Amino acid sequence: MTKQKRTEIISKFKKNAKDTGNSSVQIALLTERIRQISDHLKGQKKDYASQLGLLKLVGQRRRLLNYVKRTDLAEYNKLLKQLDIRK
């Protein structure tokens, strides 16, 4: 992920000027990495190290989504819609 793409995602999901560690920002960044690795794996089916990394990222994103769901249900639904993630 390029630095420009990363700053674009952060600026889209941040809540204030210095907000980079918010759960929403983290989920958006993880989603972008998951999409990139998934595209890579479509062409490289035997790249098992990347498959393991992908599963770890998906698990981390799931834990963050569960946290957001517990704390702010409206934000959770908004994130699912914006990032096009299934429940």
C-alpha atoms as a PDB file:
ATOM      1  CA  MET A   1       0.000   0.000   0.000  1.00  0.00           C
ATOM      2  CA  THR A   2       1.448   3.353  -0.992  1.00  0.00           C
ATOM      3  CA  LYS A   3       1.782   6.195   1.459  1.00  0.00           C
ATOM      4  CA  GLN A   4      -0.633   8.277  -0.608  1.00  0.00           C
ATOM      5  CA  LYS A   5      -3.314   5.556  -0.492  1.00  0.00           C
ATOM      6  CA  ARG A   6      -2.783   5.165   3.261  1.00  0.00           C
ATOM      7  CA  THR A   7      -3.206   8.890   3.953  1.00  0.00           C
ATOM      8  CA  GLU A   8      -6.280   8.937   1.710  1.00  0.00           C
ATOM      9  CA  ILE A   9      -7.913   6.152   3.740  1.00  0.00           C
ATOM     10  CA  ILE A  10      -6.972   7.783   7.047  1.00  0.00           C
ATOM     11  CA  SER A  11      -8.401  11.139   5.971  1.00  0.00           C
ATOM     12  CA  LYS A  12     -11.645   9.471   4.886  1.00  0.00           C
ATOM     13  CA  PHE A  13     -12.267   7.592   8.152  1.00  0.00           C
ATOM     14  CA  LYS A  14     -10.717   9.849  10.823  1.00  0.00           C
ATOM     15  CA  LYS A  15     -12.910  11.663  13.317  1.00  0.00           C
ATOM     16  CA  ASN A  16     -10.621  14.640  14.018  1.00  0.00           C
ATOM     17  CA  ALA A  17      -7.360  16.130  12.760  1.00  0.00           C
ATOM     18  CA  LYS A  18      -4.939  13.892  14.685  1.00  0.00           C
ATOM     19  CA  ASP A  19      -6.995  10.707  14.596  1.00  0.00           C
ATOM     20  CA  THR A  20      -4.989   7.854  13.054  1.00  0.00           C
ATOM     21  CA  GLY A  21      -5.475   5.018  15.553  1.00  0.00           C
ATOM     22  CA  ASN A  22      -9.251   4.982  15.685  1.00  0.00           C
ATOM     23  CA  SER A  23     -10.893   1.575  15.251  1.00  0.00           C
ATOM     24  CA  SER A  24     -12.620   2.731  12.073  1.00  0.00           C
ATOM     25  CA  VAL A  25      -9.316   3.811  10.547  1.00  0.00           C
ATOM     26  CA  GLN A  26      -7.649   0.539  11.536  1.00  0.00           C
ATOM     27  CA  ILE A  27     -10.492  -1.506  10.037  1.00  0.00           C
ATOM     28  CA  ALA A  28     -10.343   0.480   6.783  1.00  0.00           C
ATOM     29  CA  LEU A  29      -6.566  -0.005   6.498  1.00  0.00           C
ATOM     30  CA  LEU A  30      -6.864  -3.725   7.224  1.00  0.00           C
ATOM     31  CA  THR A  31      -9.601  -4.051   4.616  1.00  0.00           C
ATOM     32  CA  GLU A  32      -7.384  -2.472   1.970  1.00  0.00           C
ATOM     33  CA  ARG A  33      -4.498  -4.827   2.823  1.00  0.00           C
ATOM     34  CA  ILE A  34      -6.862  -7.818   2.759  1.00  0.00           C
ATOM     35  CA  ARG A  35      -8.055  -6.834  -0.712  1.00  0.00           C
ATOM     36  CA  GLN A  36      -4.487  -6.465  -1.975  1.00  0.00           C
ATOM     37  CA  ILE A  37      -3.410  -9.849  -0.618  1.00  0.00           C
ATOM     38  CA  SER A  38      -6.568 -11.483  -1.982  1.00  0.00           C
ATOM     39  CA  ASP A  39      -5.792 -10.138  -5.451  1.00  0.00           C
ATOM     40  CA  HIS A  40      -2.231 -11.442  -5.137  1.00  0.00           C
ATOM     41  CA  LEU A  41      -3.451 -14.891  -4.136  1.00  0.00           C
ATOM     42  CA  LYS A  42      -5.728 -15.148  -7.172  1.00  0.00           C
ATOM     43  CA  GLY A  43      -2.617 -15.408  -9.337  1.00  0.00           C
ATOM     44  CA  GLN A  44      -0.325 -17.157  -6.849  1.00  0.00           C
ATOM     45  CA  LYS A  45      -2.410 -20.028  -5.507  1.00  0.00           C
ATOM     46  CA  LYS A  46       0.481 -21.812  -3.785  1.00  0.00           C
ATOM     47  CA  ASP A  47       1.735 -18.833  -1.787  1.00  0.00           C
ATOM     48  CA  TYR A  48       0.926 -20.358   1.584  1.00  0.00           C
ATOM     49  CA  ALA A  49       2.783 -17.727   3.610  1.00  0.00           C
ATOM     50  CA  SER A  50       0.531 -15.024   2.184  1.00  0.00           C
ATOM     51  CA  GLN A  51      -2.518 -17.193   2.873  1.00  0.00           C
ATOM     52  CA  LEU A  52      -1.529 -17.408   6.532  1.00  0.00           C
ATOM     53  CA  GLY A  53      -0.955 -13.653   6.688  1.00  0.00           C
ATOM     54  CA  LEU A  54      -4.345 -13.072   5.084  1.00  0.00           C
ATOM     55  CA  LEU A  55      -6.084 -15.242   7.684  1.00  0.00           C
ATOM     56  CA  LYS A  56      -4.356 -13.334  10.492  1.00  0.00           C
ATOM     57  CA  LEU A  57      -5.437  -9.991   9.028  1.00  0.00           C
ATOM     58  CA  VAL A  58      -9.029 -11.188   8.626  1.00  0.00           C
ATOM     59  CA  GLY A  59      -9.052 -12.340  12.263  1.00  0.00           C
ATOM     60  CA  GLN A  60      -7.663  -9.034  13.465  1.00  0.00           C
ATOM     61  CA  ARG A  61     -10.263  -7.128  11.459  1.00  0.00           C
ATOM     62  CA  ARG A  62     -13.029  -9.361  12.842  1.00  0.00           C
ATOM     63  CA  ARG A  63     -11.927  -8.624  16.432  1.00  0.00           C
ATOM     64  CA  LEU A  64     -11.908  -4.878  15.747  1.00  0.00           C
ATOM     65  CA  LEU A  65     -15.339  -5.102  14.105  1.00  0.00           C
ATOM     66  CA  ASN A  66     -16.693  -6.972  17.130  1.00  0.00           C
ATOM     67  CA  TYR A  67     -15.346  -4.207  19.387  1.00  0.00           C
ATOM     68  CA  VAL A  68     -16.991  -1.490  17.277  1.00  0.00           C
ATOM     69  CA  LYS A  69     -20.239  -3.465  17.225  1.00  0.00           C
ATOM     70  CA  ARG A  70     -20.233  -3.676  21.040  1.00  0.00           C
ATOM     71  CA  THR A  71     -19.461   0.004  21.549  1.00  0.00           C
ATOM     72  CA  ASP A  72     -21.230   1.808  18.676  1.00  0.00           C
ATOM     73  CA  LEU A  73     -23.727  -0.125  16.569  1.00  0.00           C
ATOM     74  CA  ALA A  74     -24.439   2.787  14.214  1.00  0.00           C
ATOM     75  CA  GLU A  75     -20.721   3.177  13.430  1.00  0.00           C
ATOM     76  CA  TYR A  76     -20.492  -0.593  12.847  1.00  0.00           C
ATOM     77  CA  ASN A  77     -23.309  -0.572  10.301  1.00  0.00           C
ATOM     78  CA  LYS A  78     -21.840   2.495   8.605  1.00  0.00           C
ATOM     79  CA  LEU A  79     -18.430   0.787   8.314  1.00  0.00           C
ATOM     80  CA  LEU A  80     -19.911  -2.375   6.838  1.00  0.00           C
ATOM     81  CA  LYS A  81     -21.731  -0.344   4.210  1.00  0.00           C
ATOM     82  CA  GLN A  82     -18.778   1.925   3.344  1.00  0.00           C
ATOM     83  CA  LEU A  83     -16.205  -0.867   3.131  1.00  0.00           C
ATOM     84  CA  ASP A  84     -18.557  -3.367   1.487  1.00  0.00           C
ATOM     85  CA  ILE A  85     -17.946  -6.061   4.107  1.00  0.00           C
ATOM     86  CA  ARG A  86     -20.325  -8.921   4.781  1.00  0.00           C
ATOM     87  CA  LYS A  87     -21.535  -9.474   8.332  1.00  0.00           C
END
